[in-house]
């Protein structure tokens, strides 16, 4: 009986091996107009004929960091649908893969990608593995340089960004520590981008400490800074700004948050026994050498 099953499985394997295959594969990029350092998406759409199941898909022949300065993240399965092919009445599997990418160089090239798919089919306790390969139509990829001259202060933020900020508290006493929070977020790459900065104040109005960067990942930079109003004329903090290039509009933009207004509470409202001090930065003590 086992020999009969093996023989039957072998016959079925031969039959399906002739019929199974990749019907089509297409590679595209979104958006079509892309600039240097702009995040974009690469999509691969496959149609696979046959009863076998795809186990692993590799997209070969794409430009990469070694030959073109194009960095493509790991491909992710976005959709997989099993249906029937109208032309052959065979099972048809439609697959959508997607990957994020960024190019660090201006370029124009024609890539020749191909899909390599590891397949497996099962019959009872038996299984068969095989590989399918199909070339995609050529992929025309153009990466545009950023317009010149870049404005002074531009540090490489390319994408659609927003800049927001807040102060806590905004109703203060003189000498009270005010925390200023800034968040730059969007769909662009932030590695190497300078943090948004606040306009430096008059030293007679505010004491400030160095800003602290809290996060930098996934298109976001968050910064905190402490400001201390020294008198009741210190009513305004900021504004903060950063220069970005918006690739969807093809122009540089200056994003601004603030200025942030402070209101002052009467000193008589201070709670009894509560003292607010201006905190000086800690200085490491230097040991005094003992006399011999």
C-alpha atoms as a PDB file:
ATOM      1  CA  UNK A   1       0.000   0.000   0.000  1.00  0.00           C
ATOM      2  CA  UNK A   2       2.799   2.393   0.877  1.00  0.00           C
ATOM      3  CA  UNK A   3       4.395   1.750  -2.529  1.00  0.00           C
ATOM      4  CA  UNK A   4       1.088   2.496  -4.254  1.00  0.00           C
ATOM      5  CA  UNK A   5       0.764   5.792  -2.359  1.00  0.00           C
ATOM      6  CA  UNK A   6       4.314   6.769  -3.230  1.00  0.00           C
ATOM      7  CA  UNK A   7       3.703   5.930  -6.878  1.00  0.00           C
ATOM      8  CA  UNK A   8       0.466   7.912  -6.911  1.00  0.00           C
ATOM      9  CA  UNK A   9       2.147  10.882  -5.260  1.00  0.00           C
ATOM     10  CA  UNK A  10       4.983  10.733  -7.781  1.00  0.00           C
ATOM     11  CA  UNK A  11       2.498  10.724 -10.678  1.00  0.00           C
ATOM     12  CA  UNK A  12       0.595  13.645  -9.193  1.00  0.00           C
ATOM     13  CA  UNK A  13       3.870  15.507  -8.655  1.00  0.00           C
ATOM     14  CA  UNK A  14       4.800  15.111 -12.308  1.00  0.00           C
ATOM     15  CA  UNK A  15       1.337  16.278 -13.398  1.00  0.00           C
ATOM     16  CA  UNK A  16       1.299  19.372 -11.176  1.00  0.00           C
ATOM     17  CA  UNK A  17       4.944  20.213 -11.884  1.00  0.00           C
ATOM     18  CA  UNK A  18       3.995  20.793 -15.524  1.00  0.00           C
ATOM     19  CA  UNK A  19       0.987  22.935 -14.580  1.00  0.00           C
ATOM     20  CA  UNK A  20       2.274  24.922 -11.600  1.00  0.00           C
ATOM     21  CA  UNK A  21       4.148  28.151 -12.108  1.00  0.00           C
ATOM     22  CA  UNK A  22       4.278  31.884 -11.560  1.00  0.00           C
ATOM     23  CA  UNK A  23       1.717  33.423 -13.886  1.00  0.00           C
ATOM     24  CA  UNK A  24       2.893  37.004 -13.389  1.00  0.00           C
ATOM     25  CA  UNK A  25       5.122  39.179 -11.221  1.00  0.00           C
ATOM     26  CA  UNK A  26       5.343  42.970 -11.199  1.00  0.00           C
ATOM     27  CA  UNK A  27       7.512  45.312  -9.122  1.00  0.00           C
ATOM     28  CA  UNK A  28       6.569  48.970  -8.575  1.00  0.00           C
ATOM     29  CA  UNK A  29       7.565  51.912  -6.367  1.00  0.00           C
ATOM     30  CA  UNK A  30       5.341  54.426  -4.554  1.00  0.00           C
ATOM     31  CA  UNK A  31       5.416  57.351  -5.092  1.00  0.00           C
ATOM     32  CA  UNK A  32       6.699  57.538  -8.660  1.00  0.00           C
ATOM     33  CA  UNK A  33       8.644  60.774  -8.018  1.00  0.00           C
ATOM     34  CA  UNK A  34      11.360  60.169  -5.416  1.00  0.00           C
ATOM     35  CA  UNK A  35      14.143  62.380  -4.001  1.00  0.00           C
ATOM     36  CA  UNK A  36      17.401  61.542  -2.261  1.00  0.00           C
ATOM     37  CA  UNK A  37      16.835  60.502   1.375  1.00  0.00           C
ATOM     38  CA  UNK A  38      13.076  60.227   0.855  1.00  0.00           C
ATOM     39  CA  UNK A  39      11.410  57.134   2.275  1.00  0.00           C
ATOM     40  CA  UNK A  40       9.472  55.248  -0.406  1.00  0.00           C
ATOM     41  CA  UNK A  41       7.702  51.913  -0.765  1.00  0.00           C
ATOM     42  CA  UNK A  42       8.515  49.006  -3.070  1.00  0.00           C
ATOM     43  CA  UNK A  43       5.679  46.600  -3.903  1.00  0.00           C
ATOM     44  CA  UNK A  44       5.843  43.118  -5.462  1.00  0.00           C
ATOM     45  CA  UNK A  45       2.656  41.500  -6.824  1.00  0.00           C
ATOM     46  CA  UNK A  46       2.706  37.811  -7.739  1.00  0.00           C
ATOM     47  CA  UNK A  47       0.167  35.395  -9.218  1.00  0.00           C
ATOM     48  CA  UNK A  48       1.035  31.706  -8.693  1.00  0.00           C
ATOM     49  CA  UNK A  49      -0.832  28.840 -10.370  1.00  0.00           C
ATOM     50  CA  UNK A  50      -1.288  25.421  -8.740  1.00  0.00           C
ATOM     51  CA  UNK A  51      -2.333  23.674  -5.547  1.00  0.00           C
ATOM     52  CA  UNK A  52       1.069  24.006  -3.862  1.00  0.00           C
ATOM     53  CA  UNK A  53       1.628  26.628  -1.167  1.00  0.00           C
ATOM     54  CA  UNK A  54       4.374  29.283  -1.266  1.00  0.00           C
ATOM     55  CA  UNK A  55       6.721  28.917   1.724  1.00  0.00           C
ATOM     56  CA  UNK A  56       9.325  31.574   1.012  1.00  0.00           C
ATOM     57  CA  UNK A  57       9.589  34.360  -1.548  1.00  0.00           C
ATOM     58  CA  UNK A  58      12.758  36.190  -2.510  1.00  0.00           C
ATOM     59  CA  UNK A  59      12.927  39.191  -4.830  1.00  0.00           C
ATOM     60  CA  UNK A  60      16.273  39.140  -6.651  1.00  0.00           C
ATOM     61  CA  UNK A  61      17.899  41.666  -8.962  1.00  0.00           C
ATOM     62  CA  UNK A  62      16.866  44.795  -7.051  1.00  0.00           C
ATOM     63  CA  UNK A  63      19.259  47.741  -6.619  1.00  0.00           C
ATOM     64  CA  UNK A  64      20.859  47.720  -3.173  1.00  0.00           C
ATOM     65  CA  UNK A  65      23.338  49.584  -0.984  1.00  0.00           C
ATOM     66  CA  UNK A  66      26.288  47.880  -2.685  1.00  0.00           C
ATOM     67  CA  UNK A  67      25.568  48.841  -6.288  1.00  0.00           C
ATOM     68  CA  UNK A  68      23.313  51.899  -6.121  1.00  0.00           C
ATOM     69  CA  UNK A  69      23.056  53.281  -2.591  1.00  0.00           C
ATOM     70  CA  UNK A  70      19.467  52.012  -2.277  1.00  0.00           C
ATOM     71  CA  UNK A  71      18.564  50.533   1.114  1.00  0.00           C
ATOM     72  CA  UNK A  72      15.530  48.218   1.072  1.00  0.00           C
ATOM     73  CA  UNK A  73      14.108  46.923   4.358  1.00  0.00           C
ATOM     74  CA  UNK A  74      12.847  43.394   4.846  1.00  0.00           C
ATOM     75  CA  UNK A  75       9.943  42.411   2.601  1.00  0.00           C
ATOM     76  CA  UNK A  76       6.623  41.948   4.430  1.00  0.00           C
ATOM     77  CA  UNK A  77       3.593  39.933   3.338  1.00  0.00           C
ATOM     78  CA  UNK A  78       0.692  42.395   3.053  1.00  0.00           C
ATOM     79  CA  UNK A  79      -1.935  40.234   1.372  1.00  0.00           C
ATOM     80  CA  UNK A  80      -2.437  36.644   0.174  1.00  0.00           C
ATOM     81  CA  UNK A  81      -5.646  35.499  -1.520  1.00  0.00           C
ATOM     82  CA  UNK A  82      -6.496  32.050  -2.904  1.00  0.00           C
ATOM     83  CA  UNK A  83      -8.891  32.063  -5.854  1.00  0.00           C
ATOM     84  CA  UNK A  84      -9.405  30.364  -9.242  1.00  0.00           C
ATOM     85  CA  UNK A  85      -7.772  31.340 -12.517  1.00  0.00           C
ATOM     86  CA  UNK A  86     -10.473  31.985 -15.130  1.00  0.00           C
ATOM     87  CA  UNK A  87      -8.293  30.951 -18.076  1.00  0.00           C
ATOM     88  CA  UNK A  88      -7.091  27.560 -16.778  1.00  0.00           C
ATOM     89  CA  UNK A  89      -9.582  26.825 -13.925  1.00  0.00           C
ATOM     90  CA  UNK A  90      -6.544  26.105 -11.733  1.00  0.00           C
ATOM     91  CA  UNK A  91      -6.033  27.381  -8.218  1.00  0.00           C
ATOM     92  CA  UNK A  92      -4.496  30.858  -8.242  1.00  0.00           C
ATOM     93  CA  UNK A  93      -2.676  32.527  -5.338  1.00  0.00           C
ATOM     94  CA  UNK A  94      -2.361  36.317  -5.424  1.00  0.00           C
ATOM     95  CA  UNK A  95       0.365  37.747  -3.175  1.00  0.00           C
ATOM     96  CA  UNK A  96       1.328  41.309  -2.286  1.00  0.00           C
ATOM     97  CA  UNK A  97       4.722  42.023  -0.696  1.00  0.00           C
ATOM     98  CA  UNK A  98       5.895  45.449   0.461  1.00  0.00           C
ATOM     99  CA  UNK A  99       9.156  46.939   1.730  1.00  0.00           C
ATOM    100  CA  UNK A 100      10.258  50.399   2.821  1.00  0.00           C
ATOM    101  CA  UNK A 101      13.305  51.865   1.077  1.00  0.00           C
ATOM    102  CA  UNK A 102      15.510  54.948   0.905  1.00  0.00           C
ATOM    103  CA  UNK A 103      18.166  56.028  -1.604  1.00  0.00           C
ATOM    104  CA  UNK A 104      21.194  58.039  -0.535  1.00  0.00           C
ATOM    105  CA  UNK A 105      22.319  58.921  -4.082  1.00  0.00           C
ATOM    106  CA  UNK A 106      20.708  60.565  -7.080  1.00  0.00           C
ATOM    107  CA  UNK A 107      20.468  57.963  -9.837  1.00  0.00           C
ATOM    108  CA  UNK A 108      18.573  56.673 -12.859  1.00  0.00           C
ATOM    109  CA  UNK A 109      18.698  52.951 -13.609  1.00  0.00           C
ATOM    110  CA  UNK A 110      16.776  50.049 -15.091  1.00  0.00           C
ATOM    111  CA  UNK A 111      16.664  47.062 -12.728  1.00  0.00           C
ATOM    112  CA  UNK A 112      15.737  43.531 -13.829  1.00  0.00           C
ATOM    113  CA  UNK A 113      14.112  41.951 -10.782  1.00  0.00           C
ATOM    114  CA  UNK A 114      12.865  38.372 -10.517  1.00  0.00           C
ATOM    115  CA  UNK A 115      10.732  36.428  -8.031  1.00  0.00           C
ATOM    116  CA  UNK A 116      12.133  33.169  -6.612  1.00  0.00           C
ATOM    117  CA  UNK A 117       9.472  31.189  -4.739  1.00  0.00           C
ATOM    118  CA  UNK A 118       9.991  28.060  -2.630  1.00  0.00           C
ATOM    119  CA  UNK A 119       6.829  25.917  -2.897  1.00  0.00           C
ATOM    120  CA  UNK A 120       5.548  22.874  -1.015  1.00  0.00           C
ATOM    121  CA  UNK A 121       2.709  20.497  -1.856  1.00  0.00           C
ATOM    122  CA  UNK A 122       1.285  17.827   0.429  1.00  0.00           C
ATOM    123  CA  UNK A 123      -0.555  14.552  -0.159  1.00  0.00           C
ATOM    124  CA  UNK A 124      -1.474  12.836   3.069  1.00  0.00           C
ATOM    125  CA  UNK A 125       1.759  12.161   4.951  1.00  0.00           C
ATOM    126  CA  UNK A 126       3.886  12.988   1.904  1.00  0.00           C
ATOM    127  CA  UNK A 127       5.168  16.373   0.778  1.00  0.00           C
ATOM    128  CA  UNK A 128       7.135  17.739  -2.133  1.00  0.00           C
ATOM    129  CA  UNK A 129       9.254  20.905  -2.274  1.00  0.00           C
ATOM    130  CA  UNK A 130      10.300  22.732  -5.414  1.00  0.00           C
ATOM    131  CA  UNK A 131      11.300  26.230  -6.568  1.00  0.00           C
ATOM    132  CA  UNK A 132       9.661  28.547  -9.083  1.00  0.00           C
ATOM    133  CA  UNK A 133      11.329  31.530 -10.721  1.00  0.00           C
ATOM    134  CA  UNK A 134      10.015  34.255 -13.003  1.00  0.00           C
ATOM    135  CA  UNK A 135      11.497  37.542 -14.196  1.00  0.00           C
ATOM    136  CA  UNK A 136       9.494  40.719 -13.733  1.00  0.00           C
ATOM    137  CA  UNK A 137       9.307  43.500 -16.319  1.00  0.00           C
ATOM    138  CA  UNK A 138      12.240  45.953 -15.960  1.00  0.00           C
ATOM    139  CA  UNK A 139      11.891  48.442 -13.107  1.00  0.00           C
ATOM    140  CA  UNK A 140      12.791  52.011 -14.082  1.00  0.00           C
ATOM    141  CA  UNK A 141      14.003  53.784 -10.941  1.00  0.00           C
ATOM    142  CA  UNK A 142      14.929  57.472 -10.818  1.00  0.00           C
ATOM    143  CA  UNK A 143      16.080  59.222  -7.641  1.00  0.00           C
ATOM    144  CA  UNK A 144      16.106  63.014  -7.950  1.00  0.00           C
ATOM    145  CA  UNK A 145      18.698  65.257  -6.241  1.00  0.00           C
ATOM    146  CA  UNK A 146      17.493  67.832  -3.737  1.00  0.00           C
ATOM    147  CA  UNK A 147      17.174  71.347  -5.193  1.00  0.00           C
ATOM    148  CA  UNK A 148      20.186  73.618  -4.860  1.00  0.00           C
ATOM    149  CA  UNK A 149      21.050  75.715  -3.038  1.00  0.00           C
ATOM    150  CA  UNK A 150      19.737  74.213   0.182  1.00  0.00           C
ATOM    151  CA  UNK A 151      18.790  76.856   2.774  1.00  0.00           C
ATOM    152  CA  UNK A 152      21.169  77.536   5.634  1.00  0.00           C
ATOM    153  CA  UNK A 153      20.388  75.281   8.574  1.00  0.00           C
ATOM    154  CA  UNK A 154      18.982  72.387   6.531  1.00  0.00           C
ATOM    155  CA  UNK A 155      20.373  69.139   7.993  1.00  0.00           C
ATOM    156  CA  UNK A 156      18.702  66.506   5.811  1.00  0.00           C
ATOM    157  CA  UNK A 157      15.086  66.092   6.975  1.00  0.00           C
ATOM    158  CA  UNK A 158      13.266  64.863   3.843  1.00  0.00           C
ATOM    159  CA  UNK A 159       9.585  63.967   4.124  1.00  0.00           C
ATOM    160  CA  UNK A 160       6.213  65.266   5.238  1.00  0.00           C
ATOM    161  CA  UNK A 161       6.807  66.416   8.828  1.00  0.00           C
ATOM    162  CA  UNK A 162       5.017  68.308  11.577  1.00  0.00           C
ATOM    163  CA  UNK A 163       6.528  70.100  14.574  1.00  0.00           C
ATOM    164  CA  UNK A 164       4.559  70.509  17.791  1.00  0.00           C
ATOM    165  CA  UNK A 165       5.530  71.762  21.226  1.00  0.00           C
ATOM    166  CA  UNK A 166       4.199  72.581  24.672  1.00  0.00           C
ATOM    167  CA  UNK A 167       5.352  74.102  27.956  1.00  0.00           C
ATOM    168  CA  UNK A 168       4.615  72.676  31.407  1.00  0.00           C
ATOM    169  CA  UNK A 169       3.503  74.547  33.414  1.00  0.00           C
ATOM    170  CA  UNK A 170       2.453  77.684  31.522  1.00  0.00           C
ATOM    171  CA  UNK A 171       1.124  79.459  34.641  1.00  0.00           C
ATOM    172  CA  UNK A 172       4.239  79.971  36.758  1.00  0.00           C
ATOM    173  CA  UNK A 173       6.068  81.768  39.541  1.00  0.00           C
ATOM    174  CA  UNK A 174       9.357  83.552  38.896  1.00  0.00           C
ATOM    175  CA  UNK A 175      12.216  81.100  39.411  1.00  0.00           C
ATOM    176  CA  UNK A 176      10.033  78.052  38.651  1.00  0.00           C
ATOM    177  CA  UNK A 177      11.338  75.377  36.276  1.00  0.00           C
ATOM    178  CA  UNK A 178       9.380  75.198  33.004  1.00  0.00           C
ATOM    179  CA  UNK A 179       9.752  72.082  30.833  1.00  0.00           C
ATOM    180  CA  UNK A 180       9.558  72.685  27.072  1.00  0.00           C
ATOM    181  CA  UNK A 181       8.750  69.592  24.947  1.00  0.00           C
ATOM    182  CA  UNK A 182       9.215  69.458  21.157  1.00  0.00           C
ATOM    183  CA  UNK A 183       8.243  66.605  18.800  1.00  0.00           C
ATOM    184  CA  UNK A 184       9.193  66.397  15.136  1.00  0.00           C
ATOM    185  CA  UNK A 185       7.295  63.563  13.430  1.00  0.00           C
ATOM    186  CA  UNK A 186       6.536  62.425   9.906  1.00  0.00           C
ATOM    187  CA  UNK A 187       7.176  59.866   7.194  1.00  0.00           C
ATOM    188  CA  UNK A 188      10.834  60.711   6.585  1.00  0.00           C
ATOM    189  CA  UNK A 189      14.225  59.447   7.673  1.00  0.00           C
ATOM    190  CA  UNK A 190      15.576  61.271  10.774  1.00  0.00           C
ATOM    191  CA  UNK A 191      19.031  59.689  11.106  1.00  0.00           C
ATOM    192  CA  UNK A 192      21.602  62.475  10.947  1.00  0.00           C
ATOM    193  CA  UNK A 193      18.946  65.202  11.210  1.00  0.00           C
ATOM    194  CA  UNK A 194      19.585  67.934  13.773  1.00  0.00           C
ATOM    195  CA  UNK A 195      16.985  68.261  16.523  1.00  0.00           C
ATOM    196  CA  UNK A 196      14.589  71.230  16.393  1.00  0.00           C
ATOM    197  CA  UNK A 197      15.934  74.133  18.422  1.00  0.00           C
ATOM    198  CA  UNK A 198      14.407  76.997  20.384  1.00  0.00           C
ATOM    199  CA  UNK A 199      15.471  80.600  19.862  1.00  0.00           C
ATOM    200  CA  UNK A 200      17.916  81.505  22.615  1.00  0.00           C
ATOM    201  CA  UNK A 201      16.473  83.960  25.143  1.00  0.00           C
ATOM    202  CA  UNK A 202      17.822  87.128  26.710  1.00  0.00           C
ATOM    203  CA  UNK A 203      20.050  85.951  29.564  1.00  0.00           C
ATOM    204  CA  UNK A 204      18.478  88.624  31.791  1.00  0.00           C
ATOM    205  CA  UNK A 205      15.057  87.007  31.362  1.00  0.00           C
ATOM    206  CA  UNK A 206      15.670  83.250  31.399  1.00  0.00           C
ATOM    207  CA  UNK A 207      18.147  80.718  32.606  1.00  0.00           C
ATOM    208  CA  UNK A 208      18.191  77.667  30.313  1.00  0.00           C
ATOM    209  CA  UNK A 209      19.743  74.217  30.393  1.00  0.00           C
ATOM    210  CA  UNK A 210      20.998  72.177  27.449  1.00  0.00           C
ATOM    211  CA  UNK A 211      18.234  70.361  25.524  1.00  0.00           C
ATOM    212  CA  UNK A 212      17.931  66.584  26.005  1.00  0.00           C
ATOM    213  CA  UNK A 213      16.969  64.337  23.107  1.00  0.00           C
ATOM    214  CA  UNK A 214      14.552  61.686  24.415  1.00  0.00           C
ATOM    215  CA  UNK A 215      13.730  59.641  21.296  1.00  0.00           C
ATOM    216  CA  UNK A 216      14.915  59.308  17.700  1.00  0.00           C
ATOM    217  CA  UNK A 217      13.292  56.528  15.671  1.00  0.00           C
ATOM    218  CA  UNK A 218      10.555  55.739  13.159  1.00  0.00           C
ATOM    219  CA  UNK A 219      10.468  59.240  11.710  1.00  0.00           C
ATOM    220  CA  UNK A 220      10.296  60.993  15.097  1.00  0.00           C
ATOM    221  CA  UNK A 221      12.595  63.130  17.240  1.00  0.00           C
ATOM    222  CA  UNK A 222      11.486  64.314  20.683  1.00  0.00           C
ATOM    223  CA  UNK A 223      13.407  66.892  22.732  1.00  0.00           C
ATOM    224  CA  UNK A 224      12.997  68.409  26.202  1.00  0.00           C
ATOM    225  CA  UNK A 225      14.591  71.535  27.634  1.00  0.00           C
ATOM    226  CA  UNK A 226      14.255  73.348  30.964  1.00  0.00           C
ATOM    227  CA  UNK A 227      13.755  77.119  31.100  1.00  0.00           C
ATOM    228  CA  UNK A 228      13.577  79.204  34.273  1.00  0.00           C
ATOM    229  CA  UNK A 229      11.984  82.687  34.152  1.00  0.00           C
ATOM    230  CA  UNK A 230      14.090  85.049  36.261  1.00  0.00           C
ATOM    231  CA  UNK A 231      11.551  87.856  36.455  1.00  0.00           C
ATOM    232  CA  UNK A 232       8.018  88.740  35.407  1.00  0.00           C
ATOM    233  CA  UNK A 233       9.190  90.167  32.074  1.00  0.00           C
ATOM    234  CA  UNK A 234      10.073  86.622  30.910  1.00  0.00           C
ATOM    235  CA  UNK A 235       6.742  86.033  29.229  1.00  0.00           C
ATOM    236  CA  UNK A 236       7.670  84.264  25.991  1.00  0.00           C
ATOM    237  CA  UNK A 237       9.554  81.022  25.250  1.00  0.00           C
ATOM    238  CA  UNK A 238      10.673  80.205  21.722  1.00  0.00           C
ATOM    239  CA  UNK A 239       9.672  79.783  19.006  1.00  0.00           C
ATOM    240  CA  UNK A 240      11.306  76.514  17.866  1.00  0.00           C
ATOM    241  CA  UNK A 241      12.014  75.760  14.213  1.00  0.00           C
ATOM    242  CA  UNK A 242      13.530  73.254  11.803  1.00  0.00           C
ATOM    243  CA  UNK A 243      14.016  73.264   8.021  1.00  0.00           C
ATOM    244  CA  UNK A 244      12.692  70.275   6.045  1.00  0.00           C
ATOM    245  CA  UNK A 245      12.379  69.361   2.381  1.00  0.00           C
ATOM    246  CA  UNK A 246       8.850  68.291   1.434  1.00  0.00           C
ATOM    247  CA  UNK A 247       9.260  65.899  -1.548  1.00  0.00           C
ATOM    248  CA  UNK A 248       5.522  65.861  -2.261  1.00  0.00           C
ATOM    249  CA  UNK A 249       5.556  69.607  -2.883  1.00  0.00           C
ATOM    250  CA  UNK A 250       9.153  69.766  -4.146  1.00  0.00           C
ATOM    251  CA  UNK A 251      10.213  72.612  -1.835  1.00  0.00           C
ATOM    252  CA  UNK A 252      11.970  73.437   1.419  1.00  0.00           C
ATOM    253  CA  UNK A 253       9.813  74.387   4.398  1.00  0.00           C
ATOM    254  CA  UNK A 254      10.519  75.944   7.773  1.00  0.00           C
ATOM    255  CA  UNK A 255       8.394  74.299  10.450  1.00  0.00           C
ATOM    256  CA  UNK A 256       7.700  76.381  13.558  1.00  0.00           C
ATOM    257  CA  UNK A 257       6.245  75.630  16.977  1.00  0.00           C
ATOM    258  CA  UNK A 258       5.473  78.458  19.363  1.00  0.00           C
ATOM    259  CA  UNK A 259       6.193  80.985  20.676  1.00  0.00           C
ATOM    260  CA  UNK A 260       4.798  79.776  23.990  1.00  0.00           C
ATOM    261  CA  UNK A 261       3.344  82.372  26.346  1.00  0.00           C
ATOM    262  CA  UNK A 262       3.794  82.293  30.114  1.00  0.00           C
ATOM    263  CA  UNK A 263       1.485  83.864  32.665  1.00  0.00           C
ATOM    264  CA  UNK A 264       2.665  84.658  36.181  1.00  0.00           C
ATOM    265  CA  UNK A 265       1.009  83.940  39.477  1.00  0.00           C
ATOM    266  CA  UNK A 266       1.382  86.323  42.379  1.00  0.00           C
ATOM    267  CA  UNK A 267       4.265  85.486  44.684  1.00  0.00           C
ATOM    268  CA  UNK A 268       1.775  85.587  47.569  1.00  0.00           C
ATOM    269  CA  UNK A 269       0.253  82.395  46.169  1.00  0.00           C
ATOM    270  CA  UNK A 270       3.390  80.444  47.046  1.00  0.00           C
ATOM    271  CA  UNK A 271       2.567  77.761  49.561  1.00  0.00           C
ATOM    272  CA  UNK A 272       3.880  78.357  53.042  1.00  0.00           C
ATOM    273  CA  UNK A 273       7.351  76.961  53.436  1.00  0.00           C
ATOM    274  CA  UNK A 274       7.762  76.279  49.710  1.00  0.00           C
ATOM    275  CA  UNK A 275      10.984  77.610  48.229  1.00  0.00           C
ATOM    276  CA  UNK A 276      11.793  77.564  44.531  1.00  0.00           C
ATOM    277  CA  UNK A 277      15.475  77.599  43.714  1.00  0.00           C
ATOM    278  CA  UNK A 278      17.443  77.994  40.519  1.00  0.00           C
ATOM    279  CA  UNK A 279      19.330  74.719  40.221  1.00  0.00           C
ATOM    280  CA  UNK A 280      22.909  75.020  39.087  1.00  0.00           C
ATOM    281  CA  UNK A 281      24.549  72.190  37.111  1.00  0.00           C
ATOM    282  CA  UNK A 282      26.412  69.680  39.250  1.00  0.00           C
ATOM    283  CA  UNK A 283      30.179  70.055  39.232  1.00  0.00           C
ATOM    284  CA  UNK A 284      32.293  67.064  40.127  1.00  0.00           C
ATOM    285  CA  UNK A 285      34.461  67.781  43.141  1.00  0.00           C
ATOM    286  CA  UNK A 286      38.195  67.660  42.495  1.00  0.00           C
ATOM    287  CA  UNK A 287      40.069  65.900  45.338  1.00  0.00           C
ATOM    288  CA  UNK A 288      42.692  68.020  47.099  1.00  0.00           C
ATOM    289  CA  UNK A 289      46.039  66.222  47.322  1.00  0.00           C
ATOM    290  CA  UNK A 290      47.127  65.634  50.900  1.00  0.00           C
ATOM    291  CA  UNK A 291      50.331  67.205  52.071  1.00  0.00           C
ATOM    292  CA  UNK A 292      53.218  64.842  52.602  1.00  0.00           C
END
